[in-house]
PDB file of N, CA and C in Angstrom:
ATOM      1  N   UNK A   1     -39.444  -0.078 -30.023  1.00  0.00           N
ATOM      2  CA  UNK A   1     -39.537  -1.344 -29.320  1.00  0.00           C
ATOM      3  C   UNK A   1     -39.446  -2.516 -30.295  1.00  0.00           C
ATOM      4  N   UNK A   2     -40.101  -2.410 -31.442  1.00  0.00           N
ATOM      5  CA  UNK A   2     -40.047  -3.486 -32.427  1.00  0.00           C
ATOM      6  C   UNK A   2     -38.637  -3.665 -32.972  1.00  0.00           C
ATOM      7  N   UNK A   3     -37.945  -2.564 -33.174  1.00  0.00           N
ATOM      8  CA  UNK A   3     -36.570  -2.639 -33.663  1.00  0.00           C
ATOM      9  C   UNK A   3     -35.680  -3.336 -32.642  1.00  0.00           C
ATOM     10  N   UNK A   4     -35.853  -3.026 -31.388  1.00  0.00           N
ATOM     11  CA  UNK A   4     -35.082  -3.673 -30.329  1.00  0.00           C
ATOM     12  C   UNK A   4     -35.373  -5.170 -30.297  1.00  0.00           C
ATOM     13  N   UNK A   5     -36.629  -5.542 -30.388  1.00  0.00           N
ATOM     14  CA  UNK A   5     -37.003  -6.957 -30.394  1.00  0.00           C
ATOM     15  C   UNK A   5     -36.419  -7.670 -31.611  1.00  0.00           C
ATOM     16  N   UNK A   6     -36.377  -6.991 -32.749  1.00  0.00           N
ATOM     17  CA  UNK A   6     -35.816  -7.590 -33.959  1.00  0.00           C
ATOM     18  C   UNK A   6     -34.311  -7.798 -33.830  1.00  0.00           C
ATOM     19  N   UNK A   7     -33.634  -6.885 -33.168  1.00  0.00           N
ATOM     20  CA  UNK A   7     -32.181  -6.994 -33.012  1.00  0.00           C
ATOM     21  C   UNK A   7     -31.817  -8.143 -32.077  1.00  0.00           C
ATOM     22  N   UNK A   8     -32.497  -8.255 -30.963  1.00  0.00           N
ATOM     23  CA  UNK A   8     -32.098  -9.247 -29.955  1.00  0.00           C
ATOM     24  C   UNK A   8     -32.747 -10.608 -30.148  1.00  0.00           C
ATOM     25  N   UNK A   9     -33.896 -10.660 -30.777  1.00  0.00           N
ATOM     26  CA  UNK A   9     -34.560 -11.930 -31.014  1.00  0.00           C
ATOM     27  C   UNK A   9     -35.486 -12.337 -29.882  1.00  0.00           C
ATOM     28  N   UNK A  10     -36.239 -13.404 -30.109  1.00  0.00           N
ATOM     29  CA  UNK A  10     -37.271 -13.814 -29.152  1.00  0.00           C
ATOM     30  C   UNK A  10     -36.739 -14.328 -27.816  1.00  0.00           C
ATOM     31  N   UNK A  11     -35.506 -14.794 -27.778  1.00  0.00           N
ATOM     32  CA  UNK A  11     -34.953 -15.310 -26.520  1.00  0.00           C
ATOM     33  C   UNK A  11     -34.731 -14.224 -25.477  1.00  0.00           C
ATOM     34  N   UNK A  12     -34.773 -12.964 -25.894  1.00  0.00           N
ATOM     35  CA  UNK A  12     -34.517 -11.852 -24.990  1.00  0.00           C
ATOM     36  C   UNK A  12     -35.795 -11.108 -24.620  1.00  0.00           C
ATOM     37  N   UNK A  13     -36.934 -11.720 -24.831  1.00  0.00           N
ATOM     38  CA  UNK A  13     -38.215 -11.064 -24.541  1.00  0.00           C
ATOM     39  C   UNK A  13     -38.305 -10.635 -23.079  1.00  0.00           C
ATOM     40  N   UNK A  14     -37.729 -11.388 -22.180  1.00  0.00           N
ATOM     41  CA  UNK A  14     -37.756 -11.042 -20.761  1.00  0.00           C
ATOM     42  C   UNK A  14     -37.055  -9.732 -20.455  1.00  0.00           C
ATOM     43  N   UNK A  15     -36.060  -9.382 -21.256  1.00  0.00           N
ATOM     44  CA  UNK A  15     -35.330  -8.128 -21.054  1.00  0.00           C
ATOM     45  C   UNK A  15     -36.143  -6.925 -21.499  1.00  0.00           C
ATOM     46  N   UNK A  16     -37.203  -7.171 -22.251  1.00  0.00           N
ATOM     47  CA  UNK A  16     -37.991  -6.083 -22.827  1.00  0.00           C
ATOM     48  C   UNK A  16     -39.272  -5.799 -22.059  1.00  0.00           C
ATOM     49  N   UNK A  17     -39.489  -6.486 -20.957  1.00  0.00           N
ATOM     50  CA  UNK A  17     -40.768  -6.369 -20.245  1.00  0.00           C
ATOM     51  C   UNK A  17     -40.903  -5.090 -19.434  1.00  0.00           C
ATOM     52  N   UNK A  18     -39.860  -4.657 -18.776  1.00  0.00           N
ATOM     53  CA  UNK A  18     -39.960  -3.523 -17.849  1.00  0.00           C
ATOM     54  C   UNK A  18     -38.976  -2.426 -18.216  1.00  0.00           C
ATOM     55  N   UNK A  19     -39.297  -1.208 -17.791  1.00  0.00           N
ATOM     56  CA  UNK A  19     -38.396  -0.077 -17.965  1.00  0.00           C
ATOM     57  C   UNK A  19     -38.591   0.638 -19.281  1.00  0.00           C
ATOM     58  N   UNK A  20     -37.901   1.776 -19.394  1.00  0.00           N
ATOM     59  CA  UNK A  20     -37.970   2.519 -20.649  1.00  0.00           C
ATOM     60  C   UNK A  20     -36.999   1.895 -21.657  1.00  0.00           C
ATOM     61  N   UNK A  21     -36.983   2.432 -22.853  1.00  0.00           N
ATOM     62  CA  UNK A  21     -36.179   1.858 -23.930  1.00  0.00           C
ATOM     63  C   UNK A  21     -34.698   1.812 -23.558  1.00  0.00           C
ATOM     64  N   UNK A  22     -34.201   2.859 -22.946  1.00  0.00           N
ATOM     65  CA  UNK A  22     -32.793   2.907 -22.566  1.00  0.00           C
ATOM     66  C   UNK A  22     -32.446   1.791 -21.577  1.00  0.00           C
ATOM     67  N   UNK A  23     -33.308   1.576 -20.607  1.00  0.00           N
ATOM     68  CA  UNK A  23     -33.088   0.500 -19.625  1.00  0.00           C
ATOM     69  C   UNK A  23     -33.162  -0.867 -20.295  1.00  0.00           C
ATOM     70  N   UNK A  24     -34.075  -1.026 -21.227  1.00  0.00           N
ATOM     71  CA  UNK A  24     -34.201  -2.292 -21.945  1.00  0.00           C
ATOM     72  C   UNK A  24     -32.956  -2.576 -22.777  1.00  0.00           C
ATOM     73  N   UNK A  25     -32.435  -1.545 -23.428  1.00  0.00           N
ATOM     74  CA  UNK A  25     -31.214  -1.710 -24.218  1.00  0.00           C
ATOM     75  C   UNK A  25     -30.061  -2.102 -23.304  1.00  0.00           C
ATOM     76  N   UNK A  26     -29.921  -1.427 -22.170  1.00  0.00           N
ATOM     77  CA  UNK A  26     -28.856  -1.754 -21.213  1.00  0.00           C
ATOM     78  C   UNK A  26     -28.978  -3.194 -20.730  1.00  0.00           C
ATOM     79  N   UNK A  27     -30.197  -3.614 -20.427  1.00  0.00           N
ATOM     80  CA  UNK A  27     -30.426  -4.981 -19.956  1.00  0.00           C
ATOM     81  C   UNK A  27     -30.056  -5.988 -21.045  1.00  0.00           C
ATOM     82  N   UNK A  28     -30.465  -5.709 -22.273  1.00  0.00           N
ATOM     83  CA  UNK A  28     -30.138  -6.597 -23.387  1.00  0.00           C
ATOM     84  C   UNK A  28     -28.629  -6.674 -23.595  1.00  0.00           C
ATOM     85  N   UNK A  29     -27.951  -5.538 -23.489  1.00  0.00           N
ATOM     86  CA  UNK A  29     -26.497  -5.539 -23.639  1.00  0.00           C
ATOM     87  C   UNK A  29     -25.840  -6.418 -22.576  1.00  0.00           C
ATOM     88  N   UNK A  30     -26.313  -6.344 -21.362  1.00  0.00           N
ATOM     89  CA  UNK A  30     -25.751  -7.175 -20.291  1.00  0.00           C
ATOM     90  C   UNK A  30     -25.969  -8.656 -20.588  1.00  0.00           C
ATOM     91  N   UNK A  31     -27.157  -8.995 -21.055  1.00  0.00           N
ATOM     92  CA  UNK A  31     -27.457 -10.392 -21.373  1.00  0.00           C
ATOM     93  C   UNK A  31     -26.598 -10.884 -22.535  1.00  0.00           C
ATOM     94  N   UNK A  32     -26.445 -10.057 -23.558  1.00  0.00           N
ATOM     95  CA  UNK A  32     -25.656 -10.453 -24.728  1.00  0.00           C
ATOM     96  C   UNK A  32     -24.177 -10.560 -24.355  1.00  0.00           C
ATOM     97  N   UNK A  33     -23.693  -9.686 -23.498  1.00  0.00           N
ATOM     98  CA  UNK A  33     -22.301  -9.784 -23.040  1.00  0.00           C
ATOM     99  C   UNK A  33     -22.080 -11.089 -22.280  1.00  0.00           C
ATOM    100  N   UNK A  34     -23.066 -11.502 -21.496  1.00  0.00           N
ATOM    101  CA  UNK A  34     -22.966 -12.786 -20.793  1.00  0.00           C
ATOM    102  C   UNK A  34     -22.945 -13.937 -21.797  1.00  0.00           C
ATOM    103  N   UNK A  35     -23.758 -13.820 -22.844  1.00  0.00           N
ATOM    104  CA  UNK A  35     -23.771 -14.838 -23.898  1.00  0.00           C
ATOM    105  C   UNK A  35     -22.415 -14.886 -24.610  1.00  0.00           C
ATOM    106  N   UNK A  36     -21.825 -13.732 -24.879  1.00  0.00           N
ATOM    107  CA  UNK A  36     -20.513 -13.675 -25.530  1.00  0.00           C
ATOM    108  C   UNK A  36     -19.443 -14.301 -24.642  1.00  0.00           C
ATOM    109  N   UNK A  37     -19.536 -14.066 -23.352  1.00  0.00           N
ATOM    110  CA  UNK A  37     -18.590 -14.654 -22.411  1.00  0.00           C
ATOM    111  C   UNK A  37     -18.711 -16.178 -22.402  1.00  0.00           C
ATOM    112  N   UNK A  38     -19.937 -16.657 -22.422  1.00  0.00           N
ATOM    113  CA  UNK A  38     -20.162 -18.103 -22.484  1.00  0.00           C
ATOM    114  C   UNK A  38     -19.592 -18.671 -23.781  1.00  0.00           C
ATOM    115  N   UNK A  39     -19.794 -17.968 -24.881  1.00  0.00           N
ATOM    116  CA  UNK A  39     -19.272 -18.415 -26.172  1.00  0.00           C
ATOM    117  C   UNK A  39     -17.748 -18.476 -26.149  1.00  0.00           C
ATOM    118  N   UNK A  40     -17.118 -17.482 -25.538  1.00  0.00           N
ATOM    119  CA  UNK A  40     -15.656 -17.479 -25.436  1.00  0.00           C
ATOM    120  C   UNK A  40     -15.168 -18.685 -24.633  1.00  0.00           C
ATOM    121  N   UNK A  41     -15.893 -19.037 -23.593  1.00  0.00           N
ATOM    122  CA  UNK A  41     -15.536 -20.219 -22.799  1.00  0.00           C
ATOM    123  C   UNK A  41     -15.674 -21.489 -23.625  1.00  0.00           C
ATOM    124  N   UNK A  42     -16.715 -21.539 -24.445  1.00  0.00           N
ATOM    125  CA  UNK A  42     -16.904 -22.704 -25.310  1.00  0.00           C
ATOM    126  C   UNK A  42     -15.777 -22.812 -26.335  1.00  0.00           C
ATOM    127  N   UNK A  43     -15.358 -21.672 -26.867  1.00  0.00           N
ATOM    128  CA  UNK A  43     -14.258 -21.670 -27.832  1.00  0.00           C
ATOM    129  C   UNK A  43     -12.986 -22.190 -27.174  1.00  0.00           C
ATOM    130  N   UNK A  44     -12.721 -21.741 -25.944  1.00  0.00           N
ATOM    131  CA  UNK A  44     -11.544 -22.217 -25.206  1.00  0.00           C
ATOM    132  C   UNK A  44     -11.599 -23.720 -24.977  1.00  0.00           C
ATOM    133  N   UNK A  45     -12.812 -24.256 -24.857  1.00  0.00           N
ATOM    134  CA  UNK A  45     -12.987 -25.690 -24.636  1.00  0.00           C
ATOM    135  C   UNK A  45     -13.090 -26.460 -25.947  1.00  0.00           C
ATOM    136  N   UNK A  46     -12.858 -25.771 -27.067  1.00  0.00           N
ATOM    137  CA  UNK A  46     -12.895 -26.377 -28.408  1.00  0.00           C
ATOM    138  C   UNK A  46     -14.270 -26.910 -28.790  1.00  0.00           C
ATOM    139  N   UNK A  47     -15.315 -26.295 -28.284  1.00  0.00           N
ATOM    140  CA  UNK A  47     -16.680 -26.677 -28.655  1.00  0.00           C
ATOM    141  C   UNK A  47     -16.997 -26.002 -29.990  1.00  0.00           C
ATOM    142  N   UNK A  48     -17.419 -26.776 -31.002  1.00  0.00           N
ATOM    143  CA  UNK A  48     -17.586 -26.234 -32.355  1.00  0.00           C
ATOM    144  C   UNK A  48     -18.557 -25.063 -32.484  1.00  0.00           C
ATOM    145  N   UNK A  49     -19.638 -25.048 -31.737  1.00  0.00           N
ATOM    146  CA  UNK A  49     -20.620 -23.976 -31.929  1.00  0.00           C
ATOM    147  C   UNK A  49     -20.277 -22.705 -31.149  1.00  0.00           C
ATOM    148  N   UNK A  50     -19.126 -22.672 -30.501  1.00  0.00           N
ATOM    149  CA  UNK A  50     -18.721 -21.473 -29.771  1.00  0.00           C
ATOM    150  C   UNK A  50     -18.462 -20.285 -30.681  1.00  0.00           C
ATOM    151  N   UNK A  51     -17.804 -20.526 -31.823  1.00  0.00           N
ATOM    152  CA  UNK A  51     -17.482 -19.422 -32.737  1.00  0.00           C
ATOM    153  C   UNK A  51     -18.730 -18.789 -33.343  1.00  0.00           C
ATOM    154  N   UNK A  52     -19.678 -19.582 -33.873  1.00  0.00           N
ATOM    155  CA  UNK A  52     -20.900 -18.948 -34.393  1.00  0.00           C
ATOM    156  C   UNK A  52     -21.693 -18.224 -33.304  1.00  0.00           C
ATOM    157  N   UNK A  53     -21.681 -18.772 -32.112  1.00  0.00           N
ATOM    158  CA  UNK A  53     -22.385 -18.142 -30.992  1.00  0.00           C
ATOM    159  C   UNK A  53     -21.751 -16.793 -30.656  1.00  0.00           C
ATOM    160  N   UNK A  54     -20.416 -16.735 -30.667  1.00  0.00           N
ATOM    161  CA  UNK A  54     -19.715 -15.482 -30.396  1.00  0.00           C
ATOM    162  C   UNK A  54     -19.979 -14.466 -31.507  1.00  0.00           C
ATOM    163  N   UNK A  55     -19.961 -14.910 -32.746  1.00  0.00           N
ATOM    164  CA  UNK A  55     -20.225 -14.006 -33.872  1.00  0.00           C
ATOM    165  C   UNK A  55     -21.630 -13.422 -33.782  1.00  0.00           C
ATOM    166  N   UNK A  56     -22.591 -14.252 -33.407  1.00  0.00           N
ATOM    167  CA  UNK A  56     -23.971 -13.778 -33.268  1.00  0.00           C
ATOM    168  C   UNK A  56     -24.076 -12.762 -32.124  1.00  0.00           C
ATOM    169  N   UNK A  57     -23.406 -13.023 -31.027  1.00  0.00           N
ATOM    170  CA  UNK A  57     -23.432 -12.084 -29.896  1.00  0.00           C
ATOM    171  C   UNK A  57     -22.786 -10.757 -30.283  1.00  0.00           C
ATOM    172  N   UNK A  58     -21.686 -10.810 -31.021  1.00  0.00           N
ATOM    173  CA  UNK A  58     -21.028  -9.577 -31.456  1.00  0.00           C
ATOM    174  C   UNK A  58     -21.938  -8.775 -32.383  1.00  0.00           C
ATOM    175  N   UNK A  59     -22.639  -9.468 -33.261  1.00  0.00           N
ATOM    176  CA  UNK A  59     -23.571  -8.794 -34.174  1.00  0.00           C
ATOM    177  C   UNK A  59     -24.707  -8.137 -33.382  1.00  0.00           C
ATOM    178  N   UNK A  60     -25.219  -8.837 -32.389  1.00  0.00           N
ATOM    179  CA  UNK A  60     -26.269  -8.260 -31.542  1.00  0.00           C
ATOM    180  C   UNK A  60     -25.768  -7.028 -30.800  1.00  0.00           C
ATOM    181  N   UNK A  61     -24.561  -7.117 -30.257  1.00  0.00           N
ATOM    182  CA  UNK A  61     -24.000  -5.970 -29.532  1.00  0.00           C
ATOM    183  C   UNK A  61     -23.834  -4.759 -30.447  1.00  0.00           C
ATOM    184  N   UNK A  62     -23.400  -4.982 -31.674  1.00  0.00           N
ATOM    185  CA  UNK A  62     -23.274  -3.874 -32.627  1.00  0.00           C
ATOM    186  C   UNK A  62     -24.627  -3.226 -32.878  1.00  0.00           C
ATOM    187  N   UNK A  63     -25.650  -4.047 -33.072  1.00  0.00           N
ATOM    188  CA  UNK A  63     -26.993  -3.519 -33.284  1.00  0.00           C
ATOM    189  C   UNK A  63     -27.510  -2.764 -32.075  1.00  0.00           C
ATOM    190  N   UNK A  64     -27.241  -3.289 -30.890  1.00  0.00           N
ATOM    191  CA  UNK A  64     -27.681  -2.627 -29.663  1.00  0.00           C
ATOM    192  C   UNK A  64     -26.961  -1.297 -29.451  1.00  0.00           C
ATOM    193  N   UNK A  65     -25.680  -1.253 -29.781  1.00  0.00           N
ATOM    194  CA  UNK A  65     -24.938   0.006 -29.649  1.00  0.00           C
ATOM    195  C   UNK A  65     -25.494   1.061 -30.600  1.00  0.00           C
ATOM    196  N   UNK A  66     -25.825   0.653 -31.823  1.00  0.00           N
ATOM    197  CA  UNK A  66     -26.412   1.590 -32.784  1.00  0.00           C
ATOM    198  C   UNK A  66     -27.776   2.068 -32.305  1.00  0.00           C
ATOM    199  N   UNK A  67     -28.560   1.155 -31.777  1.00  0.00           N
ATOM    200  CA  UNK A  67     -29.885   1.515 -31.275  1.00  0.00           C
ATOM    201  C   UNK A  67     -29.784   2.422 -30.054  1.00  0.00           C
ATOM    202  N   UNK A  68     -28.796   2.189 -29.215  1.00  0.00           N
ATOM    203  CA  UNK A  68     -28.578   3.040 -28.043  1.00  0.00           C
ATOM    204  C   UNK A  68     -28.245   4.470 -28.477  1.00  0.00           C
ATOM    205  N   UNK A  69     -27.423   4.600 -29.499  1.00  0.00           N
ATOM    206  CA  UNK A  69     -27.093   5.924 -30.030  1.00  0.00           C
ATOM    207  C   UNK A  69     -28.337   6.598 -30.601  1.00  0.00           C
ATOM    208  N   UNK A  70     -29.135   5.845 -31.334  1.00  0.00           N
ATOM    209  CA  UNK A  70     -30.379   6.379 -31.891  1.00  0.00           C
ATOM    210  C   UNK A  70     -31.319   6.835 -30.776  1.00  0.00           C
ATOM    211  N   UNK A  71     -31.406   6.065 -29.707  1.00  0.00           N
ATOM    212  CA  UNK A  71     -32.272   6.426 -28.582  1.00  0.00           C
ATOM    213  C   UNK A  71     -31.792   7.712 -27.916  1.00  0.00           C
ATOM    214  N   UNK A  72     -30.466   7.868 -27.779  1.00  0.00           N
ATOM    215  CA  UNK A  72     -29.922   9.099 -27.191  1.00  0.00           C
ATOM    216  C   UNK A  72     -30.241  10.316 -28.049  1.00  0.00           C
ATOM    217  N   UNK A  73     -30.053  10.169 -29.357  1.00  0.00           N
ATOM    218  CA  UNK A  73     -30.338  11.279 -30.274  1.00  0.00           C
ATOM    219  C   UNK A  73     -31.820  11.629 -30.222  1.00  0.00           C
ATOM    220  N   UNK A  74     -32.669  10.607 -30.230  1.00  0.00           N
ATOM    221  CA  UNK A  74     -34.112  10.850 -30.166  1.00  0.00           C
ATOM    222  C   UNK A  74     -34.486  11.538 -28.862  1.00  0.00           C
ATOM    223  N   UNK A  75     -33.866  11.117 -27.775  1.00  0.00           N
ATOM    224  CA  UNK A  75     -34.162  11.719 -26.477  1.00  0.00           C
ATOM    225  C   UNK A  75     -33.734  13.185 -26.435  1.00  0.00           C
ATOM    226  N   UNK A  76     -32.561  13.467 -26.983  1.00  0.00           N
ATOM    227  CA  UNK A  76     -32.044  14.839 -26.971  1.00  0.00           C
ATOM    228  C   UNK A  76     -32.831  15.772 -27.889  1.00  0.00           C
ATOM    229  N   UNK A  77     -33.230  15.275 -29.037  1.00  0.00           N
ATOM    230  CA  UNK A  77     -33.829  16.146 -30.047  1.00  0.00           C
ATOM    231  C   UNK A  77     -35.348  16.034 -30.165  1.00  0.00           C
ATOM    232  N   UNK A  78     -35.879  14.896 -29.757  1.00  0.00           N
ATOM    233  CA  UNK A  78     -37.316  14.687 -29.923  1.00  0.00           C
ATOM    234  C   UNK A  78     -38.042  14.438 -28.608  1.00  0.00           C
ATOM    235  N   UNK A  79     -37.316  14.377 -27.524  1.00  0.00           N
ATOM    236  CA  UNK A  79     -37.952  14.123 -26.239  1.00  0.00           C
ATOM    237  C   UNK A  79     -38.184  12.657 -25.958  1.00  0.00           C
ATOM    238  N   UNK A  80     -37.458  11.759 -26.604  1.00  0.00           N
ATOM    239  CA  UNK A  80     -37.548  10.330 -26.324  1.00  0.00           C
ATOM    240  C   UNK A  80     -38.241   9.547 -27.404  1.00  0.00           C
ATOM    241  N   UNK A  81     -38.130   8.228 -27.270  1.00  0.00           N
ATOM    242  CA  UNK A  81     -38.776   7.300 -28.209  1.00  0.00           C
ATOM    243  C   UNK A  81     -40.118   6.869 -27.681  1.00  0.00           C
TER     244      UNK A  81
END
């Protein structure tokens, strides 16, 4: 749980309130994808902070994908996180 919170940051605390780790990761991924979509729209509108926002969202998604894989492995071999 701490690793997930560290990856997504404090703005995503609401995504971490309910459900098991897998559900929380899925919820965070959906939120970050929405953030990436917003960033892409900002880039299209030539808003300067769109590119850093998109880069941050991509970095979060990479971390979430790695954590999702770790959660699957833990679930299969250790019975969950």
